[in-house]
N, C-alpha and C. Protein backbone atom coordinates (compact mmCIF):
# COMPACT_ATOMS: atom_id res chain seq x y z
N UNK A 1 56.70 26.74 109.63
CA UNK A 1 56.44 27.84 108.78
C UNK A 1 55.95 29.07 109.53
N UNK A 2 56.58 30.22 109.49
CA UNK A 2 56.09 31.42 110.18
C UNK A 2 55.18 32.22 109.28
N UNK A 3 54.03 32.60 109.77
CA UNK A 3 53.13 33.41 109.05
C UNK A 3 53.04 34.76 109.74
N UNK A 4 53.16 35.85 109.06
CA UNK A 4 53.23 37.13 109.69
C UNK A 4 52.80 38.21 108.61
N UNK A 5 52.43 39.37 109.16
CA UNK A 5 52.02 40.48 108.31
C UNK A 5 53.35 41.26 107.96
N UNK A 6 53.31 41.66 106.76
CA UNK A 6 54.51 42.58 106.32
C UNK A 6 54.27 43.99 106.87
N UNK A 7 55.20 44.46 107.63
CA UNK A 7 55.16 45.89 108.13
C UNK A 7 56.59 46.30 108.38
N UNK A 8 56.86 47.53 107.87
CA UNK A 8 58.21 48.00 108.01
C UNK A 8 58.33 49.45 108.09
N UNK A 9 59.38 49.88 108.91
CA UNK A 9 59.65 51.33 109.06
C UNK A 9 60.53 51.86 108.08
N UNK A 10 60.93 51.03 107.11
CA UNK A 10 61.99 51.41 106.27
C UNK A 10 61.61 52.23 105.12
N UNK A 11 60.60 51.75 104.27
CA UNK A 11 60.15 52.50 103.06
C UNK A 11 58.73 52.98 103.29
N UNK A 12 58.56 54.24 103.13
CA UNK A 12 57.25 54.88 103.32
C UNK A 12 56.72 55.48 101.99
N UNK A 13 55.41 55.76 101.94
CA UNK A 13 54.95 56.41 100.71
C UNK A 13 55.68 57.71 100.38
N UNK A 14 55.98 57.82 99.11
CA UNK A 14 56.68 59.02 98.61
C UNK A 14 58.23 58.71 98.56
N UNK A 15 58.70 57.68 99.28
CA UNK A 15 60.17 57.44 99.28
C UNK A 15 60.53 56.89 97.93
N UNK A 16 61.83 57.21 97.54
CA UNK A 16 62.37 56.66 96.27
C UNK A 16 62.71 55.19 96.50
N UNK A 17 62.60 54.40 95.40
CA UNK A 17 62.91 53.04 95.38
C UNK A 17 64.40 52.85 95.53
N UNK A 18 64.95 52.12 96.42
CA UNK A 18 66.32 51.85 96.47
C UNK A 18 66.90 51.19 95.20
N UNK A 19 68.00 51.59 94.69
CA UNK A 19 68.58 51.09 93.48
C UNK A 19 68.97 49.61 93.72
N UNK A 20 69.01 48.91 92.55
CA UNK A 20 69.53 47.55 92.61
C UNK A 20 70.05 47.14 91.30
N UNK A 21 70.92 46.15 91.24
CA UNK A 21 71.32 45.51 90.02
C UNK A 21 71.46 43.94 90.32
N UNK A 22 70.52 43.27 89.69
CA UNK A 22 70.35 41.92 90.07
C UNK A 22 70.22 40.91 88.88
N UNK A 23 70.70 39.83 88.99
CA UNK A 23 70.65 38.76 87.93
C UNK A 23 69.23 38.29 87.80
N UNK A 24 68.78 38.23 86.51
CA UNK A 24 67.44 37.71 86.24
C UNK A 24 67.37 36.32 85.81
N UNK A 25 66.30 35.66 86.14
CA UNK A 25 66.28 34.15 85.84
C UNK A 25 66.20 33.91 84.31
N UNK A 26 66.13 35.02 83.55
CA UNK A 26 66.20 34.85 82.07
C UNK A 26 67.58 34.98 81.51
N UNK A 27 68.60 35.21 82.38
CA UNK A 27 69.97 35.25 82.03
C UNK A 27 70.38 36.71 81.86
N UNK A 28 69.49 37.72 82.00
CA UNK A 28 69.85 39.14 81.90
C UNK A 28 70.18 39.66 83.20
N UNK A 29 70.87 40.79 83.25
CA UNK A 29 71.13 41.62 84.40
C UNK A 29 70.21 42.80 84.37
N UNK A 30 69.51 43.08 85.56
CA UNK A 30 68.54 44.15 85.59
C UNK A 30 68.94 45.12 86.62
N UNK A 31 68.82 46.44 86.27
CA UNK A 31 68.91 47.50 87.27
C UNK A 31 67.57 48.29 87.38
N UNK A 32 67.42 49.00 88.38
CA UNK A 32 66.10 49.79 88.63
C UNK A 32 65.86 50.63 87.39
N UNK A 33 66.83 51.31 86.90
CA UNK A 33 66.62 52.17 85.79
C UNK A 33 66.18 51.52 84.45
N UNK A 34 66.39 50.24 84.38
CA UNK A 34 65.94 49.52 83.18
C UNK A 34 64.47 49.54 83.02
N UNK A 35 63.70 49.93 84.12
CA UNK A 35 62.21 49.94 84.09
C UNK A 35 61.74 51.36 83.93
N UNK A 36 62.54 52.30 83.65
CA UNK A 36 62.18 53.67 83.57
C UNK A 36 61.17 54.01 82.35
N UNK A 37 61.07 53.04 81.46
CA UNK A 37 60.13 53.27 80.37
C UNK A 37 58.71 53.07 80.74
N UNK A 38 58.56 52.49 81.99
CA UNK A 38 57.16 52.21 82.44
C UNK A 38 56.66 53.28 83.38
N UNK A 39 55.36 53.53 83.39
CA UNK A 39 54.73 54.56 84.25
C UNK A 39 54.66 54.03 85.70
N UNK A 40 54.62 52.77 85.92
CA UNK A 40 54.51 52.22 87.27
C UNK A 40 55.34 50.98 87.39
N UNK A 41 55.85 50.64 88.57
CA UNK A 41 56.67 49.45 88.81
C UNK A 41 56.12 48.84 90.03
N UNK A 42 55.85 47.49 89.89
CA UNK A 42 55.46 46.70 91.14
C UNK A 42 56.56 45.77 91.42
N UNK A 43 57.25 45.95 92.52
CA UNK A 43 58.28 45.11 93.02
C UNK A 43 57.61 44.21 94.10
N UNK A 44 57.79 42.89 93.81
CA UNK A 44 57.24 41.90 94.83
C UNK A 44 58.35 40.97 95.33
N UNK A 45 58.54 41.14 96.58
CA UNK A 45 59.56 40.11 97.11
C UNK A 45 58.75 38.79 97.37
N UNK A 46 59.25 37.75 96.67
CA UNK A 46 58.58 36.52 96.64
C UNK A 46 59.59 35.38 96.64
N UNK A 47 59.10 34.16 96.40
CA UNK A 47 60.02 32.97 96.32
C UNK A 47 59.32 31.84 95.61
N UNK A 48 60.02 30.72 95.56
CA UNK A 48 59.45 29.46 94.87
C UNK A 48 58.70 28.60 95.70
N UNK A 49 59.05 28.55 97.02
CA UNK A 49 58.54 27.47 97.83
C UNK A 49 57.31 27.78 98.71
N UNK A 50 57.15 29.08 99.09
CA UNK A 50 56.15 29.53 100.04
C UNK A 50 54.77 29.37 99.41
N UNK A 51 53.81 28.65 100.13
CA UNK A 51 52.46 28.47 99.58
C UNK A 51 51.69 29.81 99.29
N UNK A 52 51.94 30.87 100.16
CA UNK A 52 51.32 32.15 100.00
C UNK A 52 51.92 32.74 98.66
N UNK A 53 53.13 32.71 98.50
CA UNK A 53 53.80 33.24 97.20
C UNK A 53 53.37 32.53 95.98
N UNK A 54 53.34 31.22 96.07
CA UNK A 54 52.89 30.48 94.94
C UNK A 54 51.49 30.67 94.45
N UNK A 55 50.74 30.91 95.48
CA UNK A 55 49.27 31.21 95.22
C UNK A 55 49.06 32.54 94.48
N UNK A 56 49.97 33.46 94.56
CA UNK A 56 49.87 34.75 93.98
C UNK A 56 50.60 34.79 92.58
N UNK A 57 51.22 33.75 92.10
CA UNK A 57 51.82 33.80 90.80
C UNK A 57 50.93 34.07 89.65
N UNK A 58 49.76 33.37 89.64
CA UNK A 58 48.83 33.77 88.55
C UNK A 58 48.35 35.18 88.55
N UNK A 59 48.11 35.72 89.69
CA UNK A 59 47.72 37.19 89.77
C UNK A 59 48.92 38.07 89.32
N UNK A 60 50.14 37.79 89.66
CA UNK A 60 51.22 38.61 89.18
C UNK A 60 51.42 38.49 87.66
N UNK A 61 51.26 37.29 87.18
CA UNK A 61 51.32 37.08 85.70
C UNK A 61 50.19 37.88 85.02
N UNK A 62 49.01 37.85 85.61
CA UNK A 62 47.88 38.60 85.07
C UNK A 62 48.07 40.07 85.01
N UNK A 63 48.62 40.63 86.14
CA UNK A 63 48.99 42.05 86.10
C UNK A 63 50.02 42.39 85.05
N UNK A 64 50.98 41.53 84.97
CA UNK A 64 52.07 41.83 83.90
C UNK A 64 51.42 41.83 82.55
N UNK A 65 50.46 40.97 82.29
CA UNK A 65 49.88 40.91 80.95
C UNK A 65 48.88 41.99 80.70
N UNK A 66 48.15 42.39 81.73
CA UNK A 66 47.10 43.33 81.50
C UNK A 66 47.52 44.74 81.37
N UNK A 67 48.60 45.14 81.93
CA UNK A 67 49.02 46.51 81.94
C UNK A 67 50.37 46.74 81.27
N UNK A 68 50.34 47.35 80.15
CA UNK A 68 51.56 47.67 79.35
C UNK A 68 52.39 48.70 80.02
N UNK A 69 51.76 49.59 80.78
CA UNK A 69 52.50 50.71 81.37
C UNK A 69 52.98 50.28 82.86
N UNK A 70 52.86 49.03 83.27
CA UNK A 70 53.27 48.43 84.52
C UNK A 70 54.34 47.45 84.41
N UNK A 71 55.42 47.61 84.99
CA UNK A 71 56.44 46.51 85.06
C UNK A 71 56.29 45.70 86.36
N UNK A 72 56.12 44.44 86.20
CA UNK A 72 56.00 43.59 87.36
C UNK A 72 57.33 42.86 87.57
N UNK A 73 57.94 43.01 88.81
CA UNK A 73 59.27 42.48 88.97
C UNK A 73 59.24 41.69 90.28
N UNK A 74 59.53 40.43 90.21
CA UNK A 74 59.65 39.57 91.37
C UNK A 74 61.05 39.58 91.80
N UNK A 75 61.30 39.57 93.07
CA UNK A 75 62.75 39.43 93.65
C UNK A 75 62.65 38.35 94.69
N UNK A 76 63.52 37.37 94.55
CA UNK A 76 63.61 36.28 95.47
C UNK A 76 64.85 36.51 96.32
N UNK A 77 64.67 36.67 97.63
CA UNK A 77 65.82 37.07 98.54
C UNK A 77 66.04 35.85 99.46
N UNK A 78 65.30 34.74 99.43
CA UNK A 78 65.44 33.69 100.46
C UNK A 78 66.80 32.96 100.35
N UNK A 79 67.24 32.47 101.49
CA UNK A 79 68.37 31.64 101.58
C UNK A 79 68.22 30.32 100.93
N UNK A 80 69.02 30.11 99.81
CA UNK A 80 68.79 28.84 99.08
C UNK A 80 69.52 27.71 99.70
N UNK A 81 70.44 27.95 100.60
CA UNK A 81 71.17 26.88 101.35
C UNK A 81 70.18 26.16 102.21
N UNK A 82 69.33 26.93 102.94
CA UNK A 82 68.37 26.25 103.84
C UNK A 82 67.08 25.96 103.15
N UNK A 83 66.78 26.60 102.01
CA UNK A 83 65.59 26.32 101.15
C UNK A 83 66.00 26.14 99.78
N UNK A 84 66.38 24.97 99.49
CA UNK A 84 66.90 24.62 98.09
C UNK A 84 65.91 24.95 96.94
N UNK A 85 64.63 24.88 97.22
CA UNK A 85 63.68 25.17 96.24
C UNK A 85 63.62 26.62 95.81
N UNK A 86 64.21 27.38 96.61
CA UNK A 86 64.43 28.90 96.26
C UNK A 86 65.75 29.22 95.60
N UNK A 87 66.31 28.25 95.04
CA UNK A 87 67.62 28.51 94.35
C UNK A 87 67.49 29.19 93.14
N UNK A 88 68.53 29.90 92.60
CA UNK A 88 68.48 30.49 91.41
C UNK A 88 68.18 29.57 90.20
N UNK A 89 68.63 28.36 90.28
CA UNK A 89 68.38 27.29 89.28
C UNK A 89 66.95 27.03 89.21
N UNK A 90 66.28 26.96 90.27
CA UNK A 90 64.88 26.66 90.31
C UNK A 90 64.07 27.91 89.72
N UNK A 91 64.52 29.06 90.03
CA UNK A 91 63.98 30.25 89.47
C UNK A 91 64.02 30.23 87.94
N UNK A 92 65.14 29.83 87.40
CA UNK A 92 65.35 29.73 85.93
C UNK A 92 64.43 28.61 85.38
N UNK A 93 64.22 27.58 86.08
CA UNK A 93 63.32 26.47 85.57
C UNK A 93 61.87 27.04 85.49
N UNK A 94 61.40 27.76 86.51
CA UNK A 94 59.94 28.17 86.41
C UNK A 94 59.68 29.35 85.59
N UNK A 95 60.75 30.05 85.21
CA UNK A 95 60.63 31.11 84.16
C UNK A 95 60.68 30.47 82.78
N UNK A 96 61.54 29.47 82.72
CA UNK A 96 61.74 28.77 81.37
C UNK A 96 60.45 27.99 80.97
N UNK A 97 59.78 27.41 81.96
CA UNK A 97 58.59 26.58 81.63
C UNK A 97 57.22 27.46 81.60
N UNK A 98 57.42 28.77 81.80
CA UNK A 98 56.21 29.70 81.74
C UNK A 98 55.39 29.85 82.99
N UNK A 99 55.76 29.07 84.08
CA UNK A 99 55.01 29.23 85.35
C UNK A 99 55.01 30.61 85.79
N UNK A 100 56.30 31.34 85.89
CA UNK A 100 56.47 32.70 86.18
C UNK A 100 56.59 33.44 84.90
N UNK A 101 55.72 34.48 84.62
CA UNK A 101 55.76 35.22 83.39
C UNK A 101 55.72 36.69 83.76
N UNK A 102 56.42 37.12 84.74
CA UNK A 102 56.54 38.60 85.06
C UNK A 102 57.48 39.23 84.09
N UNK A 103 57.64 40.52 84.16
CA UNK A 103 58.53 41.22 83.32
C UNK A 103 60.04 40.93 83.68
N UNK A 104 60.22 40.57 85.00
CA UNK A 104 61.51 40.11 85.43
C UNK A 104 61.36 39.36 86.67
N UNK A 105 62.11 38.28 86.81
CA UNK A 105 62.22 37.53 88.21
C UNK A 105 63.69 37.51 88.60
N UNK A 106 64.02 38.25 89.70
CA UNK A 106 65.47 38.60 89.95
C UNK A 106 65.88 37.87 91.28
N UNK A 107 67.20 37.73 91.30
CA UNK A 107 67.80 36.95 92.47
C UNK A 107 68.53 37.92 93.39
N UNK A 108 68.13 38.09 94.54
CA UNK A 108 68.77 39.01 95.53
C UNK A 108 69.74 38.16 96.37
N UNK A 109 70.90 37.74 95.72
CA UNK A 109 71.77 36.72 96.41
C UNK A 109 72.25 37.08 97.76
N UNK A 110 72.62 38.38 97.97
CA UNK A 110 73.16 38.75 99.28
C UNK A 110 72.09 39.32 100.23
N UNK A 111 70.81 39.35 99.77
CA UNK A 111 69.64 39.81 100.53
C UNK A 111 69.67 41.35 100.93
N UNK A 112 70.53 42.09 100.24
CA UNK A 112 70.73 43.49 100.57
C UNK A 112 69.50 44.35 100.01
N UNK A 113 68.89 43.85 98.95
CA UNK A 113 67.78 44.63 98.33
C UNK A 113 66.60 44.46 99.21
N UNK A 114 66.25 43.23 99.75
CA UNK A 114 65.15 43.02 100.60
C UNK A 114 65.34 43.80 101.83
N UNK A 115 66.51 43.96 102.31
CA UNK A 115 66.74 44.74 103.59
C UNK A 115 66.50 46.17 103.31
N UNK A 116 67.09 46.69 102.09
CA UNK A 116 66.87 48.10 101.76
C UNK A 116 65.40 48.55 101.61
N UNK A 117 64.54 47.59 101.06
CA UNK A 117 63.20 47.87 100.90
C UNK A 117 62.37 47.65 102.19
N UNK A 118 62.92 47.01 103.09
CA UNK A 118 62.15 46.65 104.36
C UNK A 118 61.20 45.49 104.12
N UNK A 119 61.55 44.60 103.23
CA UNK A 119 60.63 43.43 102.96
C UNK A 119 60.61 42.58 104.14
N UNK A 120 59.41 42.02 104.46
CA UNK A 120 59.23 41.16 105.57
C UNK A 120 58.80 39.74 105.24
N UNK A 121 58.06 39.53 104.21
CA UNK A 121 57.42 38.27 103.92
C UNK A 121 57.34 38.06 102.46
N UNK A 122 56.89 36.85 102.12
CA UNK A 122 56.66 36.48 100.67
C UNK A 122 55.25 36.05 100.58
N UNK A 123 54.50 36.77 99.71
CA UNK A 123 54.92 37.90 98.89
C UNK A 123 54.71 39.17 99.70
N UNK A 124 55.61 40.17 99.36
CA UNK A 124 55.52 41.53 99.93
C UNK A 124 55.63 42.56 98.76
N UNK A 125 54.46 43.07 98.31
CA UNK A 125 54.36 43.97 97.15
C UNK A 125 54.58 45.48 97.49
N UNK A 126 55.43 46.15 96.57
CA UNK A 126 55.68 47.56 96.73
C UNK A 126 55.31 48.14 95.32
N UNK A 127 54.32 49.09 95.27
CA UNK A 127 53.94 49.69 93.98
C UNK A 127 54.53 51.04 93.98
N UNK A 128 55.25 51.41 92.86
CA UNK A 128 55.92 52.67 92.65
C UNK A 128 55.40 53.43 91.52
N UNK A 129 55.34 54.82 91.61
CA UNK A 129 54.95 55.64 90.53
C UNK A 129 56.23 56.20 89.91
N UNK A 130 56.30 56.18 88.61
CA UNK A 130 57.50 56.80 87.99
C UNK A 130 57.26 58.27 87.87
N UNK A 131 58.11 58.97 88.68
CA UNK A 131 58.15 60.41 88.80
C UNK A 131 59.32 60.96 88.01
N UNK A 132 59.20 61.07 86.64
CA UNK A 132 60.33 61.61 85.83
C UNK A 132 61.50 60.74 86.10
N UNK A 133 61.44 59.47 86.08
CA UNK A 133 62.65 58.56 86.29
C UNK A 133 62.98 58.30 87.74
N UNK A 134 62.26 58.90 88.70
CA UNK A 134 62.48 58.46 90.06
C UNK A 134 61.22 57.74 90.52
N UNK A 135 61.45 56.50 90.82
CA UNK A 135 60.27 55.59 91.28
C UNK A 135 59.97 55.93 92.75
N UNK A 136 58.76 56.40 93.02
CA UNK A 136 58.36 56.79 94.39
C UNK A 136 57.30 55.81 94.89
N UNK A 137 57.40 55.41 96.09
CA UNK A 137 56.46 54.34 96.65
C UNK A 137 55.05 55.09 96.70
N UNK A 138 54.15 54.37 95.99
CA UNK A 138 52.71 54.85 96.06
C UNK A 138 51.80 53.93 97.01
N UNK A 139 52.23 52.64 97.11
CA UNK A 139 51.37 51.77 97.92
C UNK A 139 52.31 50.60 98.27
N UNK A 140 52.21 50.16 99.55
CA UNK A 140 52.88 48.85 100.02
C UNK A 140 51.80 48.12 100.74
N UNK A 141 51.46 46.99 99.99
CA UNK A 141 50.39 46.23 100.69
C UNK A 141 50.10 44.97 99.79
N UNK A 142 49.02 44.23 100.30
CA UNK A 142 48.68 42.98 99.68
C UNK A 142 48.15 43.15 98.27
N UNK A 143 48.18 41.98 97.54
CA UNK A 143 47.75 41.92 96.16
C UNK A 143 46.14 41.89 96.10
N UNK A 144 45.58 41.10 97.03
CA UNK A 144 44.16 40.88 97.06
C UNK A 144 43.64 40.58 98.42
N UNK A 145 42.45 40.22 98.55
CA UNK A 145 41.80 40.05 99.87
C UNK A 145 41.73 38.58 100.38
N UNK A 146 42.35 37.68 99.64
CA UNK A 146 42.44 36.25 100.01
C UNK A 146 43.28 36.04 101.23
N UNK A 147 42.76 35.63 102.36
CA UNK A 147 43.51 35.46 103.63
C UNK A 147 44.52 34.40 103.63
N UNK A 148 44.26 33.32 102.87
CA UNK A 148 45.17 32.16 102.84
C UNK A 148 45.33 31.64 101.47
N UNK A 149 46.34 30.82 101.25
CA UNK A 149 46.65 30.32 99.87
C UNK A 149 45.56 29.60 99.14
N UNK A 150 44.70 28.94 100.05
CA UNK A 150 43.59 28.10 99.45
C UNK A 150 42.36 28.91 99.13
N UNK A 151 42.34 30.23 99.58
CA UNK A 151 41.19 30.97 99.35
C UNK A 151 41.19 31.77 98.05
N UNK A 152 40.01 31.87 97.34
CA UNK A 152 39.89 32.69 96.14
C UNK A 152 39.63 34.17 96.58
N UNK A 153 40.27 35.11 95.95
CA UNK A 153 40.04 36.52 96.35
C UNK A 153 38.73 36.95 95.70
N UNK A 154 38.09 37.88 96.44
CA UNK A 154 36.91 38.56 96.03
C UNK A 154 37.18 39.89 95.42
N UNK A 155 38.37 40.47 95.73
CA UNK A 155 38.67 41.80 95.32
C UNK A 155 40.18 41.76 94.92
N UNK A 156 40.45 42.24 93.60
CA UNK A 156 41.79 42.35 93.15
C UNK A 156 42.33 43.73 93.53
N UNK A 157 42.78 43.83 94.74
CA UNK A 157 43.10 45.18 95.35
C UNK A 157 44.26 45.85 94.58
N UNK A 158 45.35 45.16 94.36
CA UNK A 158 46.45 45.80 93.70
C UNK A 158 46.06 46.12 92.27
N UNK A 159 45.25 45.46 91.61
CA UNK A 159 44.79 45.78 90.24
C UNK A 159 44.14 47.16 90.25
N UNK A 160 43.27 47.39 91.31
CA UNK A 160 42.59 48.52 91.51
C UNK A 160 43.55 49.77 91.80
N UNK A 161 44.66 49.51 92.63
CA UNK A 161 45.57 50.52 92.89
C UNK A 161 46.42 50.85 91.71
N UNK A 162 46.68 49.84 90.87
CA UNK A 162 47.39 50.11 89.49
C UNK A 162 46.61 50.97 88.60
N UNK A 163 45.29 50.74 88.54
CA UNK A 163 44.38 51.52 87.68
C UNK A 163 44.36 52.97 88.20
N UNK A 164 44.29 53.14 89.56
CA UNK A 164 44.30 54.52 90.09
C UNK A 164 45.58 55.27 89.66
N UNK A 165 46.72 54.53 89.85
CA UNK A 165 48.05 55.13 89.60
C UNK A 165 48.17 55.50 88.16
N UNK A 166 47.83 54.53 87.27
CA UNK A 166 47.92 54.73 85.77
C UNK A 166 46.95 55.77 85.27
N UNK A 167 45.94 56.04 86.02
CA UNK A 167 45.00 57.17 85.57
C UNK A 167 45.47 58.57 85.96
N UNK A 168 46.60 58.60 86.80
CA UNK A 168 47.14 59.82 87.19
C UNK A 168 46.69 60.31 88.51
N UNK A 169 45.94 59.43 89.24
CA UNK A 169 45.44 59.84 90.52
C UNK A 169 46.29 59.34 91.64
N UNK A 170 46.25 59.84 92.85
CA UNK A 170 46.96 59.40 94.00
C UNK A 170 46.18 58.32 94.74
N UNK A 171 46.96 57.29 95.08
CA UNK A 171 46.32 56.26 95.93
C UNK A 171 46.18 56.65 97.36
N UNK A 172 44.92 56.77 97.78
CA UNK A 172 44.63 57.20 99.08
C UNK A 172 44.14 56.04 100.05
N UNK A 173 44.06 54.91 99.52
CA UNK A 173 43.49 53.78 100.33
C UNK A 173 44.49 53.39 101.44
N UNK A 174 43.97 52.98 102.57
CA UNK A 174 44.95 52.65 103.68
C UNK A 174 45.68 51.31 103.20
N UNK A 175 46.83 51.22 103.61
CA UNK A 175 47.65 50.04 103.24
C UNK A 175 47.32 48.86 104.07
N UNK A 176 47.05 47.76 103.42
CA UNK A 176 46.63 46.52 104.09
C UNK A 176 47.85 45.51 103.89
N UNK A 177 48.43 45.18 105.00
CA UNK A 177 49.70 44.42 104.85
C UNK A 177 49.40 42.99 104.17
N UNK A 178 50.49 42.64 103.46
CA UNK A 178 50.47 41.33 102.85
C UNK A 178 50.71 40.30 103.90
N UNK A 179 50.27 39.06 103.60
CA UNK A 179 50.43 37.96 104.50
C UNK A 179 51.19 36.88 103.82
N UNK A 180 52.13 36.24 104.50
CA UNK A 180 52.97 35.23 103.89
C UNK A 180 53.95 34.65 104.82
N UNK A 181 54.85 33.82 104.29
CA UNK A 181 55.92 33.30 105.06
C UNK A 181 57.03 34.33 105.17
N UNK A 182 57.78 34.18 106.34
CA UNK A 182 58.84 35.21 106.56
C UNK A 182 59.89 35.05 105.45
N UNK A 183 60.57 36.06 105.15
CA UNK A 183 61.78 36.02 104.32
C UNK A 183 62.82 35.19 105.12
N UNK A 184 63.49 34.28 104.39
CA UNK A 184 64.49 33.38 105.05
C UNK A 184 65.88 34.02 105.01
N UNK A 185 66.21 34.73 106.08
CA UNK A 185 67.42 35.44 106.15
C UNK A 185 68.64 34.39 106.41
N UNK A 186 69.70 34.72 105.80
CA UNK A 186 70.92 33.98 106.19
C UNK A 186 71.40 34.33 107.51
N UNK A 187 72.12 33.49 108.18
CA UNK A 187 72.54 33.91 109.50
C UNK A 187 73.42 35.15 109.58
N UNK A 188 72.99 36.07 110.38
CA UNK A 188 73.66 37.32 110.42
C UNK A 188 73.17 38.40 109.48
N UNK A 189 72.27 38.08 108.65
CA UNK A 189 71.71 39.05 107.61
C UNK A 189 70.42 39.70 108.07
N UNK A 190 69.86 39.22 109.21
CA UNK A 190 68.60 39.87 109.58
C UNK A 190 68.77 41.33 109.84
N UNK A 191 67.86 42.24 109.18
CA UNK A 191 67.96 43.68 109.27
C UNK A 191 67.52 44.03 110.74
N UNK A 192 67.89 45.24 111.08
CA UNK A 192 67.53 45.74 112.40
C UNK A 192 66.05 45.82 112.61
N UNK A 193 65.33 46.07 111.55
CA UNK A 193 63.83 46.12 111.68
C UNK A 193 63.18 44.75 111.88
N UNK A 194 63.91 43.76 111.67
CA UNK A 194 63.35 42.31 111.62
C UNK A 194 63.02 41.94 113.06
N UNK A 195 61.78 41.65 113.38
CA UNK A 195 61.36 41.12 114.66
C UNK A 195 60.37 39.94 114.46
N UNK A 196 60.61 38.91 115.17
CA UNK A 196 59.65 37.75 115.10
C UNK A 196 58.86 37.70 116.46
């Protein structure tokens, strides 16, 4: 298992969210514009098998429940051939049994969305502000200060950033990279920014 910090030169603060249209584990098809009714959007590249990602499911569920004006969207981009637990079928199972209760859990089957966002690891969170229908990156960084899956966080950092954003203020905090397992790219799909 590779552990690394997420860092990318692809999406910077103020940049617009790349468009997507992806299948949801609930059987629906979702596009970026489907979340335009929300003031903020938290896109988290995640998966089913990584212990770092699994440890953050309760926090993502909590964020989705706490903030009516925030859409929490998980995107699984991992190669299911090499990692069967990251299959779309497994995504459907953990949504159906209530383990994952985000606003949407989407399957990036060809990994193009992860590449467009510059996602590096699972989980890799991107928080966007809805600027009249244009989602602009407000913060790219970790959900909390727990350094490993077995640690309890002392600060819910992303929740604080969401509060700042929803209050109409700009997030000025320095971005603290998320930590997790590398995204499992299919052969030949590794983006140019990808370096191990």
